Amino acid sequence: MSVHATPPITDGGTITHPTWTELTAFEGNVLYAIARLERDDPLTYGLAIRDVLEEYYTKPINHGRLYPTLDDLADQGLITKTSVDDRTNKYKLTDAGYELLSRRRDELTAVLTEEDQ
C-alpha cells in the first residue's frame, strides 16, 4: 500500500472510504480512467487503463506505477479486482468509487457554475 493510501476503516460496522483529498492525483486519474472505460466496455483491463492514462500524461505509465496503484484502490474499497486468467485482471468501480467520482464531479460543476454567473 502506498504512503498515501487509506484503507477502509471499520467503526462499529460502518466502512469509511477515503475522501477525494486523501487520494493522490494519480489515484484519482486511475478512477477516472476506469469510469471512462466502463462507460464503453465492461471489461476494464490494466492495459486499457494505462492507454487512457497515457492520453493525459506526457510520460509513459509503467507497470511499477499502475498496478500497485490499482491494488491500493482495491484495498481502499474503491475498485474491485477480478482475475480473468493467469496474467489478466479486470477492474471495476465499486459503489464507493463511483460515489467518490460523482461527488467530485458535483463539486467541480458547482465551482465552475458559480464562476460563470
C-alpha atoms as a PDB file:
ATOM      1  CA  MET A   1       0.000   0.000   0.000  1.00  0.00           C
ATOM      2  CA  SER A   2       1.343   3.437  -0.862  1.00  0.00           C
ATOM      3  CA  VAL A   3       2.126   6.082   1.711  1.00  0.00           C
ATOM      4  CA  HIS A   4      -0.993   7.970   0.626  1.00  0.00           C
ATOM      5  CA  ALA A   5      -3.362   5.010   0.604  1.00  0.00           C
ATOM      6  CA  THR A   6      -6.002   4.927   3.289  1.00  0.00           C
ATOM      7  CA  PRO A   7      -7.659   1.550   3.784  1.00  0.00           C
ATOM      8  CA  PRO A   8     -11.369   1.434   4.539  1.00  0.00           C
ATOM      9  CA  ILE A   9     -11.910   1.892   8.265  1.00  0.00           C
ATOM     10  CA  THR A  10     -14.475  -0.233  10.054  1.00  0.00           C
ATOM     11  CA  ASP A  11     -16.063   1.508  13.023  1.00  0.00           C
ATOM     12  CA  GLY A  12     -18.966  -0.324  14.571  1.00  0.00           C
ATOM     13  CA  GLY A  13     -19.858  -1.985  11.278  1.00  0.00           C
ATOM     14  CA  THR A  14     -19.551   1.175   9.180  1.00  0.00           C
ATOM     15  CA  ILE A  15     -16.932   1.228   6.443  1.00  0.00           C
ATOM     16  CA  THR A  16     -15.362   4.616   5.780  1.00  0.00           C
ATOM     17  CA  HIS A  17     -13.659   5.085   2.422  1.00  0.00           C
ATOM     18  CA  PRO A  18     -11.096   7.786   1.625  1.00  0.00           C
ATOM     19  CA  THR A  19     -12.165  11.239   0.535  1.00  0.00           C
ATOM     20  CA  TRP A  20     -11.006  12.756  -2.743  1.00  0.00           C
ATOM     21  CA  THR A  21      -8.321  14.804  -0.984  1.00  0.00           C
ATOM     22  CA  GLU A  22      -6.872  11.663   0.601  1.00  0.00           C
ATOM     23  CA  LEU A  23      -6.140  10.209  -2.840  1.00  0.00           C
ATOM     24  CA  THR A  24      -3.049  11.010  -4.851  1.00  0.00           C
ATOM     25  CA  ALA A  25      -3.675  12.775  -8.155  1.00  0.00           C
ATOM     26  CA  PHE A  26      -2.664   9.585  -9.947  1.00  0.00           C
ATOM     27  CA  GLU A  27      -5.157   7.509  -7.935  1.00  0.00           C
ATOM     28  CA  GLY A  28      -7.927   9.939  -8.882  1.00  0.00           C
ATOM     29  CA  ASN A  29      -6.913   9.764 -12.523  1.00  0.00           C
ATOM     30  CA  VAL A  30      -6.952   5.958 -12.413  1.00  0.00           C
ATOM     31  CA  LEU A  31     -10.516   6.060 -11.054  1.00  0.00           C
ATOM     32  CA  TYR A  32     -11.457   8.413 -13.877  1.00  0.00           C
ATOM     33  CA  ALA A  33      -9.857   6.105 -16.467  1.00  0.00           C
ATOM     34  CA  ILE A  34     -11.773   3.096 -15.129  1.00  0.00           C
ATOM     35  CA  ALA A  35     -15.060   5.028 -15.180  1.00  0.00           C
ATOM     36  CA  ARG A  36     -14.419   6.159 -18.741  1.00  0.00           C
ATOM     37  CA  LEU A  37     -13.647   2.621 -19.871  1.00  0.00           C
ATOM     38  CA  GLU A  38     -16.663   1.143 -18.062  1.00  0.00           C
ATOM     39  CA  ARG A  39     -18.896   3.522 -19.971  1.00  0.00           C
ATOM     40  CA  ASP A  40     -17.871   1.860 -23.242  1.00  0.00           C
ATOM     41  CA  ASP A  41     -16.713  -1.638 -22.277  1.00  0.00           C
ATOM     42  CA  PRO A  42     -17.433  -3.638 -19.119  1.00  0.00           C
ATOM     43  CA  LEU A  43     -14.075  -5.458 -19.398  1.00  0.00           C
ATOM     44  CA  THR A  44     -11.626  -2.946 -17.961  1.00  0.00           C
ATOM     45  CA  TYR A  45      -8.114  -4.409 -18.054  1.00  0.00           C
ATOM     46  CA  GLY A  46      -4.885  -2.887 -16.759  1.00  0.00           C
ATOM     47  CA  LEU A  47      -3.506  -2.236 -20.248  1.00  0.00           C
ATOM     48  CA  ALA A  48      -6.686  -0.419 -21.284  1.00  0.00           C
ATOM     49  CA  ILE A  49      -6.470   1.725 -18.143  1.00  0.00           C
ATOM     50  CA  ARG A  50      -2.849   2.510 -18.979  1.00  0.00           C
ATOM     51  CA  ASP A  51      -3.826   3.515 -22.528  1.00  0.00           C
ATOM     52  CA  VAL A  52      -6.416   6.001 -21.233  1.00  0.00           C
ATOM     53  CA  LEU A  53      -3.942   7.464 -18.740  1.00  0.00           C
ATOM     54  CA  GLU A  54      -1.285   7.871 -21.420  1.00  0.00           C
ATOM     55  CA  GLU A  55      -3.655  10.166 -23.315  1.00  0.00           C
ATOM     56  CA  TYR A  56      -3.191  12.647 -20.441  1.00  0.00           C
ATOM     57  CA  TYR A  57       0.339  12.052 -19.212  1.00  0.00           C
ATOM     58  CA  THR A  58       3.393  13.147 -21.186  1.00  0.00           C
ATOM     59  CA  LYS A  59       5.474  10.195 -19.984  1.00  0.00           C
ATOM     60  CA  PRO A  60       4.611   6.501 -20.364  1.00  0.00           C
ATOM     61  CA  ILE A  61       2.810   4.883 -17.440  1.00  0.00           C
ATOM     62  CA  ASN A  62       4.883   1.908 -16.325  1.00  0.00           C
ATOM     63  CA  HIS A  63       3.645  -1.281 -14.688  1.00  0.00           C
ATOM     64  CA  GLY A  64       5.512  -0.460 -11.481  1.00  0.00           C
ATOM     65  CA  ARG A  65       3.334   2.594 -11.014  1.00  0.00           C
ATOM     66  CA  LEU A  66      -0.027   1.434 -12.348  1.00  0.00           C
ATOM     67  CA  TYR A  67      -0.502  -1.993 -10.791  1.00  0.00           C
ATOM     68  CA  PRO A  68       0.437  -1.037  -7.211  1.00  0.00           C
ATOM     69  CA  THR A  69      -1.994   1.884  -7.535  1.00  0.00           C
ATOM     70  CA  LEU A  70      -4.734  -0.465  -8.726  1.00  0.00           C
ATOM     71  CA  ASP A  71      -4.004  -2.717  -5.742  1.00  0.00           C
ATOM     72  CA  ASP A  72      -4.149   0.287  -3.375  1.00  0.00           C
ATOM     73  CA  LEU A  73      -7.507   1.393  -4.800  1.00  0.00           C
ATOM     74  CA  ALA A  74      -8.841  -2.148  -4.384  1.00  0.00           C
ATOM     75  CA  ASP A  75      -7.551  -2.230  -0.783  1.00  0.00           C
ATOM     76  CA  GLN A  76      -9.370   1.060  -0.154  1.00  0.00           C
ATOM     77  CA  GLY A  77     -12.626  -0.435  -1.440  1.00  0.00           C
ATOM     78  CA  LEU A  78     -12.894   1.933  -4.413  1.00  0.00           C
ATOM     79  CA  ILE A  79     -12.454  -0.711  -7.127  1.00  0.00           C
ATOM     80  CA  THR A  80     -12.710  -4.469  -7.408  1.00  0.00           C
ATOM     81  CA  LYS A  81     -10.040  -6.656  -8.939  1.00  0.00           C
ATOM     82  CA  THR A  82     -11.119  -9.908 -10.575  1.00  0.00           C
ATOM     83  CA  SER A  83      -8.794 -12.435 -12.169  1.00  0.00           C
ATOM     84  CA  VAL A  84      -9.680 -13.199 -15.796  1.00  0.00           C
ATOM     85  CA  ASP A  85      -6.778 -15.589 -16.369  1.00  0.00           C
ATOM     86  CA  ASP A  86      -3.248 -16.170 -15.057  1.00  0.00           C
ATOM     87  CA  ARG A  87      -1.989 -12.847 -16.435  1.00  0.00           C
ATOM     88  CA  THR A  88      -5.043 -10.614 -16.718  1.00  0.00           C
ATOM     89  CA  ASN A  89      -7.206  -8.859 -14.151  1.00  0.00           C
ATOM     90  CA  LYS A  90     -10.401  -6.925 -14.669  1.00  0.00           C
ATOM     91  CA  TYR A  91     -11.021  -3.776 -12.616  1.00  0.00           C
ATOM     92  CA  LYS A  92     -14.379  -2.217 -11.819  1.00  0.00           C
ATOM     93  CA  LEU A  93     -15.506   0.750  -9.757  1.00  0.00           C
ATOM     94  CA  THR A  94     -17.316  -0.175  -6.562  1.00  0.00           C
ATOM     95  CA  ASP A  95     -20.315   1.823  -5.417  1.00  0.00           C
ATOM     96  CA  ALA A  96     -17.929   3.740  -3.129  1.00  0.00           C
ATOM     97  CA  GLY A  97     -15.607   4.520  -6.056  1.00  0.00           C
ATOM     98  CA  TYR A  98     -18.476   5.664  -8.225  1.00  0.00           C
ATOM     99  CA  GLU A  99     -19.888   7.821  -5.416  1.00  0.00           C
ATOM    100  CA  LEU A 100     -16.476   9.410  -4.821  1.00  0.00           C
ATOM    101  CA  LEU A 101     -16.175  10.345  -8.503  1.00  0.00           C
ATOM    102  CA  SER A 102     -19.775  11.593  -8.575  1.00  0.00           C
ATOM    103  CA  ARG A 103     -19.208  13.833  -5.543  1.00  0.00           C
ATOM    104  CA  ARG A 104     -16.038  15.232  -7.122  1.00  0.00           C
ATOM    105  CA  ARG A 105     -17.898  15.896 -10.381  1.00  0.00           C
ATOM    106  CA  ASP A 106     -20.639  17.719  -8.468  1.00  0.00           C
ATOM    107  CA  GLU A 107     -18.078  19.802  -6.548  1.00  0.00           C
ATOM    108  CA  LEU A 108     -16.314  20.823  -9.759  1.00  0.00           C
ATOM    109  CA  THR A 109     -19.599  21.563 -11.519  1.00  0.00           C
ATOM    110  CA  ALA A 110     -20.718  23.784  -8.640  1.00  0.00           C
ATOM    111  CA  VAL A 111     -17.459  25.734  -8.691  1.00  0.00           C
ATOM    112  CA  LEU A 112     -17.465  26.150 -12.463  1.00  0.00           C
ATOM    113  CA  THR A 113     -21.132  27.138 -12.491  1.00  0.00           C
ATOM    114  CA  GLU A 114     -20.541  29.752  -9.783  1.00  0.00           C
ATOM    115  CA  GLU A 115     -17.698  31.281 -11.808  1.00  0.00           C
ATOM    116  CA  ASP A 116     -19.877  31.541 -14.902  1.00  0.00           C
ATOM    117  CA  GLN A 117     -22.552  33.576 -13.099  1.00  0.00           C
END
